[in-house]
Protein backbone atom coordinates (compact mmCIF):
# COMPACT_ATOMS: atom_id res chain seq x y z
CA MET A 1 9.04 82.69 26.84
CA SER A 2 11.84 83.00 29.34
CA LYS A 3 15.51 82.78 28.46
CA ALA A 4 15.81 79.45 30.34
CA ASP A 5 12.99 77.98 28.26
CA ASP A 6 14.62 79.22 25.07
CA VAL A 7 17.96 77.57 26.00
CA PHE A 8 16.17 74.31 26.89
CA TRP A 9 14.32 74.10 23.58
CA ARG A 10 17.47 74.85 21.60
CA GLN A 11 19.45 72.20 23.41
CA PHE A 12 16.57 69.73 23.08
CA GLY A 13 16.36 70.41 19.33
CA ILE A 14 20.10 69.96 18.84
CA ILE A 15 20.07 66.69 20.79
CA LEU A 16 17.07 65.46 18.79
CA ILE A 17 18.81 66.29 15.49
CA LEU A 18 22.02 64.59 16.64
CA LEU A 19 20.12 61.46 17.72
CA THR A 20 18.32 61.33 14.35
CA VAL A 21 21.62 61.68 12.45
CA PHE A 22 23.19 59.03 14.69
CA GLY A 23 20.24 56.65 14.07
CA PHE A 24 20.50 57.06 10.29
CA ALA A 25 24.28 56.55 10.44
CA MET A 26 23.89 53.35 12.48
CA TYR A 27 21.23 52.10 10.07
CA PHE A 28 23.49 52.55 7.03
CA VAL A 29 26.53 51.04 8.81
CA ALA A 30 24.53 48.01 10.00
CA ASN A 31 22.93 47.57 6.58
CA SER A 32 26.33 47.68 4.93
CA ILE A 33 27.86 45.12 7.29
CA ALA A 34 24.81 42.80 7.29
CA GLY A 35 24.39 43.11 3.51
CA LYS A 36 27.98 41.95 2.92
CA ALA A 37 27.55 39.06 5.38
CA TYR A 38 24.21 38.08 3.77
CA ALA A 39 25.72 38.20 0.27
CA LYS A 40 28.68 36.13 1.43
CA MET A 41 26.37 33.59 3.09
CA ASN A 42 24.20 33.34 -0.04
CA SER A 43 27.20 32.80 -2.29
CA SER A 44 28.67 30.00 -0.16
CA PRO A 45 28.95 26.64 -1.96
CA ASP A 46 26.44 24.97 0.39
CA ALA A 47 23.88 27.72 -0.12
CA VAL A 48 24.30 27.58 -3.90
CA LEU A 49 23.90 23.78 -3.94
CA ALA A 50 20.79 24.04 -1.80
CA ARG A 51 19.28 26.60 -4.18
CA ILE A 52 20.00 24.65 -7.35
CA ALA A 53 19.01 21.23 -5.98
CA PRO A 54 16.24 19.60 -8.07
CA VAL A 55 12.73 19.73 -6.71
CA GLY A 56 12.13 16.03 -7.43
CA GLU A 57 13.86 12.97 -8.77
CA SER A 58 12.95 10.80 -11.74
CA ARG A 59 12.92 7.03 -11.56
CA VAL A 60 13.29 4.98 -14.68
CA GLY A 61 12.39 1.31 -14.76
CA ASP A 62 10.90 -0.90 -12.11
CA PRO A 63 10.81 0.87 -8.71
CA ALA A 64 10.82 -2.50 -6.91
CA ALA A 65 14.07 -3.48 -8.63
CA GLN A 66 15.63 -0.15 -7.65
CA THR A 67 14.71 -0.59 -4.00
CA GLN A 68 15.86 -4.20 -3.94
CA ALA A 69 19.33 -3.40 -5.27
CA PRO A 70 20.53 -1.54 -2.13
CA ALA A 71 19.09 -4.28 0.07
CA GLN A 72 21.00 -6.90 -1.89
CA ALA A 73 24.19 -4.82 -1.66
CA THR A 74 23.73 -4.54 2.11
CA ALA A 75 23.27 -8.31 2.39
CA VAL A 76 26.55 -8.85 0.53
CA ASP A 77 28.35 -6.25 2.67
CA THR A 78 27.22 -7.69 5.99
CA GLY A 79 28.83 -11.03 5.29
CA SER A 80 28.05 -14.46 4.00
CA SER A 81 26.21 -15.54 7.17
CA GLN A 82 23.27 -13.22 6.53
CA ALA A 83 23.28 -14.09 2.85
CA GLN A 84 23.15 -17.77 3.83
CA GLU A 85 20.20 -17.06 6.19
CA SER A 86 18.40 -15.22 3.40
CA ARG A 87 18.92 -18.15 1.02
CA THR A 88 17.66 -20.56 3.70
CA GLU A 89 14.50 -18.46 4.22
CA THR A 90 13.91 -18.32 0.47
CA VAL A 91 14.26 -22.09 0.15
CA ALA A 92 11.91 -22.59 3.13
CA ALA A 93 9.30 -20.25 1.59
CA ALA A 94 9.56 -22.09 -1.73
CA SER A 95 9.12 -25.47 -0.04
CA ASP A 96 6.08 -24.13 1.90
CA THR A 97 4.52 -22.94 -1.36
CA ALA A 98 5.24 -26.27 -3.04
CA ALA A 99 3.71 -28.12 -0.09
CA SER A 100 0.59 -25.94 -0.26
CA VAL A 101 0.20 -26.55 -4.00
CA SER A 102 0.82 -30.25 -3.47
CA SER A 103 -1.83 -30.44 -0.72
CA ASP A 104 -4.30 -28.59 -2.97
CA GLN A 105 -3.62 -31.06 -5.78
CA THR A 106 -3.93 -34.03 -3.42
CA ALA A 107 -7.22 -32.75 -2.00
CA ALA A 108 -8.55 -32.07 -5.49
CA ALA A 109 -7.53 -35.53 -6.67
CA SER A 110 -9.08 -37.28 -3.70
CA GLY A 111 -12.25 -35.21 -3.89
CA SER A 112 -12.15 -34.52 -0.13
CA VAL A 113 -13.76 -31.32 1.07
CA ASP A 114 -13.56 -29.11 4.16
CA ILE A 115 -16.98 -27.66 4.93
CA ALA A 116 -15.63 -25.21 7.55
CA ALA A 117 -13.05 -23.84 5.11
CA GLY A 118 -15.79 -23.70 2.48
CA GLU A 119 -17.91 -21.52 4.76
CA GLN A 120 -15.07 -19.01 5.07
CA ILE A 121 -14.75 -18.83 1.26
CA TYR A 122 -18.54 -18.50 0.97
CA GLN A 123 -18.58 -15.61 3.45
CA THR A 124 -15.81 -13.86 1.51
CA ALA A 125 -16.68 -14.50 -2.12
CA CYS A 126 -20.13 -16.05 -2.58
CA PHE A 127 -22.67 -14.75 -0.09
CA ALA A 128 -23.49 -11.50 -1.90
CA CYS A 129 -25.27 -13.36 -4.71
CA HIS A 130 -26.10 -16.76 -3.21
CA MET A 131 -27.68 -15.31 -0.07
CA THR A 132 -30.29 -13.31 -2.00
CA GLY A 133 -30.46 -15.10 -5.37
CA VAL A 134 -29.10 -12.16 -7.36
CA ALA A 135 -28.98 -12.74 -11.16
CA GLN A 136 -30.65 -16.16 -10.77
CA ALA A 137 -27.90 -17.50 -8.52
CA PRO A 138 -29.21 -20.50 -6.55
CA LYS A 139 -29.92 -19.35 -3.01
CA LEU A 140 -28.08 -21.02 -0.16
CA ASP A 141 -31.20 -22.46 1.48
CA ASP A 142 -33.18 -23.33 -1.68
CA PRO A 143 -32.78 -27.03 -2.63
CA ALA A 144 -35.11 -26.65 -5.62
CA ALA A 145 -32.80 -24.01 -7.15
CA TRP A 146 -29.85 -26.41 -6.84
CA GLU A 147 -31.62 -29.49 -8.29
CA PRO A 148 -31.10 -28.64 -12.02
CA ARG A 149 -27.39 -28.06 -11.38
CA LEU A 150 -26.76 -31.29 -9.47
CA ALA A 151 -26.85 -33.40 -12.65
CA GLN A 152 -23.49 -31.85 -13.61
CA GLY A 153 -21.91 -33.41 -10.55
CA MET A 154 -19.17 -31.76 -8.49
CA ALA A 155 -16.83 -31.66 -11.50
CA GLY A 156 -19.40 -29.76 -13.58
CA LEU A 157 -20.21 -27.34 -10.76
CA LEU A 158 -16.51 -26.74 -10.19
CA GLN A 159 -15.97 -26.07 -13.90
CA ALA A 160 -18.89 -23.60 -13.96
CA VAL A 161 -17.47 -21.74 -10.96
CA THR A 162 -13.93 -21.74 -12.36
CA ASN A 163 -14.94 -20.47 -15.82
CA GLY A 164 -17.90 -18.33 -14.75
CA LYS A 165 -21.55 -18.81 -15.61
CA GLY A 166 -24.21 -16.25 -16.51
CA ALA A 167 -23.65 -13.12 -14.45
CA MET A 168 -21.06 -14.84 -12.23
CA PRO A 169 -17.48 -14.02 -13.27
CA PRO A 170 -14.79 -16.73 -13.19
CA LYS A 171 -14.12 -17.82 -9.60
CA GLY A 172 -16.80 -15.38 -8.47
CA GLY A 173 -14.42 -12.50 -9.19
CA PHE A 174 -11.78 -13.82 -6.76
CA ALA A 175 -9.07 -15.01 -9.15
CA HIS A 176 -6.70 -16.05 -6.34
CA LEU A 177 -8.96 -18.86 -5.14
CA THR A 178 -7.61 -22.38 -5.70
CA GLU A 179 -9.57 -25.35 -7.02
CA THR A 180 -9.67 -26.84 -3.52
CA GLU A 181 -11.07 -23.63 -2.03
CA LEU A 182 -13.74 -23.45 -4.73
CA ARG A 183 -14.63 -27.12 -4.17
CA ASN A 184 -14.95 -26.46 -0.42
CA ALA A 185 -17.23 -23.46 -1.02
CA ILE A 186 -19.48 -25.49 -3.36
CA ALA A 187 -19.63 -28.33 -0.83
CA PHE A 188 -20.60 -25.88 1.92
CA MET A 189 -23.45 -24.40 -0.16
CA LEU A 190 -24.76 -27.85 -1.16
CA ASP A 191 -24.57 -28.95 2.47
CA LYS A 192 -26.60 -25.92 3.60
CA ALA A 193 -29.12 -26.54 0.84
CA GLY A 194 -29.40 -30.17 1.99
CA VAL A 195 -28.45 -31.66 -1.40
CA GLU A 196 -25.53 -33.63 -2.79
CA ALA A 197 -23.78 -33.55 -6.14
CA GLY A 198 -22.58 -36.76 -7.66
CA GLY A 199 -19.02 -37.11 -8.98
């Protein structure tokens, strides 16, 4: 090995050692500075609050009442005009409901029926059993199956539907149906069967 090569390798080795020492020194300095900044950031009040925040919240009581309370507070805050509008809407809804109940009672008292409305109720609540005759339900197009039931009259048929009969639950399992809707459905089925119930 020549003298020039020997000098080169020595200088190269010294530079390599110096660069390694410099790299380690920079690593420790950066780690020290960043570690202090990280610790300071982690101990800040916002960071602590974020770490100790609960994972979930508990609700006690009726959730609907809890969600209505802020809405009511907002209505009060926005002024009496919106509160007045809300009261007006509530009164209008109540009068609509009263009118609906009143019309149901009037229709029931007069005995009038709406075959088209009855068909809609039939399609929703009755067809599953009365289309196929499940559990001895009189089929829609079988007058002979309806004959024994006609002696009860409309009032008797309505009572059987309202209270349930045999395998049929009260109101056919649709508890929200009104007396007028049930009467319409019965009238539709009797009409399709080509029979009439007295009374």
